[in-house]
Amino acid sequence: MLRIHFTARDLEYVRIARGPDPLWEIVCSVCRLQTDEGRIAFGPWRRAVTPL
């Protein structure tokens, strides 16, 4: 497991994006769909939208 520790000074530099970045949304979605958890959660949907 990856753990990241932030100090109070680190948190001073954290910025929140104004909105989602479409490219990162696609990248994260594709990664999620390729995992075992993604296959279980989205398997029925994938079969429904994939041509035979």
N, C-alpha and C. Protein backbone atom coordinates (compact mmCIF):
# COMPACT_ATOMS: atom_id res chain seq x y z
N MET A 1 0.85 -1.17 0.00
CA MET A 1 0.00 0.00 0.00
C MET A 1 0.89 1.24 0.00
N LEU A 2 0.53 2.19 -0.79
CA LEU A 2 1.26 3.45 -0.87
C LEU A 2 0.69 4.43 0.15
N ARG A 3 1.57 5.01 0.93
CA ARG A 3 1.14 6.03 1.90
C ARG A 3 1.87 7.32 1.60
N ILE A 4 1.14 8.39 1.62
CA ILE A 4 1.71 9.71 1.38
C ILE A 4 1.46 10.54 2.62
N HIS A 5 2.50 11.12 3.15
CA HIS A 5 2.37 11.94 4.36
C HIS A 5 2.56 13.41 3.99
N PHE A 6 1.61 14.23 4.39
CA PHE A 6 1.67 15.66 4.14
C PHE A 6 1.94 16.39 5.45
N THR A 7 2.81 17.35 5.38
CA THR A 7 3.01 18.22 6.53
C THR A 7 2.07 19.41 6.38
N ALA A 8 1.97 20.21 7.42
CA ALA A 8 1.13 21.41 7.34
C ALA A 8 1.63 22.33 6.23
N ARG A 9 2.93 22.40 6.07
CA ARG A 9 3.50 23.24 5.01
C ARG A 9 3.13 22.70 3.63
N ASP A 10 3.14 21.39 3.47
CA ASP A 10 2.73 20.80 2.19
C ASP A 10 1.30 21.18 1.84
N LEU A 11 0.44 21.15 2.84
CA LEU A 11 -0.98 21.44 2.60
C LEU A 11 -1.22 22.89 2.21
N GLU A 12 -0.29 23.76 2.54
CA GLU A 12 -0.43 25.17 2.13
C GLU A 12 -0.38 25.30 0.61
N TYR A 13 0.26 24.35 -0.05
CA TYR A 13 0.44 24.43 -1.50
C TYR A 13 -0.58 23.62 -2.28
N VAL A 14 -1.49 22.96 -1.60
CA VAL A 14 -2.51 22.16 -2.29
C VAL A 14 -3.53 23.10 -2.93
N ARG A 15 -3.82 22.83 -4.20
CA ARG A 15 -4.83 23.61 -4.91
C ARG A 15 -5.90 22.66 -5.42
N ILE A 16 -7.11 23.13 -5.46
CA ILE A 16 -8.24 22.34 -5.97
C ILE A 16 -8.56 22.84 -7.38
N ALA A 17 -8.69 21.90 -8.30
CA ALA A 17 -9.00 22.27 -9.68
C ALA A 17 -10.41 22.84 -9.77
N ARG A 18 -10.60 23.72 -10.74
CA ARG A 18 -11.92 24.33 -10.94
C ARG A 18 -12.93 23.31 -11.46
N GLY A 19 -12.43 22.33 -12.17
CA GLY A 19 -13.31 21.29 -12.72
C GLY A 19 -12.50 20.09 -13.15
N PRO A 20 -13.16 19.02 -13.53
CA PRO A 20 -12.44 17.82 -13.95
C PRO A 20 -11.76 18.03 -15.30
N ASP A 21 -10.64 17.37 -15.48
CA ASP A 21 -9.93 17.40 -16.75
C ASP A 21 -10.42 16.20 -17.57
N PRO A 22 -11.00 16.43 -18.74
CA PRO A 22 -11.57 15.33 -19.52
C PRO A 22 -10.58 14.21 -19.82
N LEU A 23 -9.33 14.55 -20.14
CA LEU A 23 -8.35 13.52 -20.46
C LEU A 23 -8.06 12.63 -19.26
N TRP A 24 -7.90 13.23 -18.08
CA TRP A 24 -7.65 12.44 -16.87
C TRP A 24 -8.87 11.60 -16.51
N GLU A 25 -10.06 12.09 -16.78
CA GLU A 25 -11.27 11.29 -16.55
C GLU A 25 -11.24 10.03 -17.40
N ILE A 26 -10.82 10.16 -18.65
CA ILE A 26 -10.73 9.01 -19.55
C ILE A 26 -9.65 8.05 -19.08
N VAL A 27 -8.47 8.57 -18.74
CA VAL A 27 -7.37 7.72 -18.29
C VAL A 27 -7.77 6.92 -17.05
N CYS A 28 -8.34 7.59 -16.07
CA CYS A 28 -8.73 6.91 -14.83
C CYS A 28 -9.85 5.91 -15.08
N SER A 29 -10.78 6.23 -15.97
CA SER A 29 -11.87 5.30 -16.28
C SER A 29 -11.36 4.04 -16.96
N VAL A 30 -10.45 4.20 -17.92
CA VAL A 30 -9.89 3.04 -18.61
C VAL A 30 -9.12 2.17 -17.63
N CYS A 31 -8.33 2.78 -16.77
CA CYS A 31 -7.58 2.01 -15.76
C CYS A 31 -8.54 1.24 -14.87
N ARG A 32 -9.60 1.86 -14.46
CA ARG A 32 -10.59 1.21 -13.57
C ARG A 32 -11.26 0.04 -14.28
N LEU A 33 -11.61 0.22 -15.55
CA LEU A 33 -12.27 -0.85 -16.29
C LEU A 33 -11.35 -2.05 -16.50
N GLN A 34 -10.04 -1.85 -16.49
CA GLN A 34 -9.09 -2.93 -16.72
C GLN A 34 -8.76 -3.73 -15.47
N THR A 35 -9.18 -3.29 -14.30
CA THR A 35 -8.89 -4.02 -13.07
C THR A 35 -9.92 -5.12 -12.85
N ASP A 36 -9.59 -6.07 -11.97
CA ASP A 36 -10.56 -7.11 -11.64
C ASP A 36 -11.81 -6.52 -11.02
N GLU A 37 -11.65 -5.52 -10.17
CA GLU A 37 -12.82 -4.88 -9.55
C GLU A 37 -13.69 -4.22 -10.62
N GLY A 38 -13.05 -3.62 -11.60
CA GLY A 38 -13.80 -2.99 -12.68
C GLY A 38 -14.56 -4.01 -13.51
N ARG A 39 -13.93 -5.16 -13.74
CA ARG A 39 -14.60 -6.22 -14.51
C ARG A 39 -15.84 -6.71 -13.78
N ILE A 40 -15.73 -6.84 -12.47
CA ILE A 40 -16.88 -7.31 -11.68
C ILE A 40 -17.99 -6.26 -11.67
N ALA A 41 -17.61 -5.02 -11.39
CA ALA A 41 -18.61 -3.95 -11.25
C ALA A 41 -19.24 -3.57 -12.59
N PHE A 42 -18.45 -3.59 -13.67
CA PHE A 42 -18.94 -3.10 -14.95
C PHE A 42 -19.08 -4.19 -16.01
N GLY A 43 -18.92 -5.46 -15.61
CA GLY A 43 -19.02 -6.57 -16.56
C GLY A 43 -20.31 -6.58 -17.35
N PRO A 44 -21.48 -6.50 -16.68
CA PRO A 44 -22.74 -6.51 -17.43
C PRO A 44 -22.84 -5.33 -18.41
N TRP A 45 -22.39 -4.17 -18.00
CA TRP A 45 -22.43 -3.00 -18.88
C TRP A 45 -21.51 -3.20 -20.07
N ARG A 46 -20.31 -3.72 -19.84
CA ARG A 46 -19.36 -3.94 -20.93
C ARG A 46 -19.92 -4.92 -21.95
N ARG A 47 -20.57 -5.99 -21.48
CA ARG A 47 -21.16 -6.97 -22.40
C ARG A 47 -22.31 -6.34 -23.20
N ALA A 48 -23.05 -5.44 -22.57
CA ALA A 48 -24.19 -4.80 -23.25
C ALA A 48 -23.75 -3.83 -24.34
N VAL A 49 -22.61 -3.18 -24.16
CA VAL A 49 -22.19 -2.16 -25.13
C VAL A 49 -21.13 -2.65 -26.11
N THR A 50 -20.65 -3.88 -25.92
CA THR A 50 -19.63 -4.43 -26.82
C THR A 50 -20.32 -5.19 -27.94
N PRO A 51 -19.95 -4.88 -29.20
CA PRO A 51 -20.55 -5.61 -30.31
C PRO A 51 -20.15 -7.09 -30.27
N LEU A 52 -21.02 -7.94 -30.76
CA LEU A 52 -20.75 -9.38 -30.77
C LEU A 52 -19.74 -9.76 -31.80
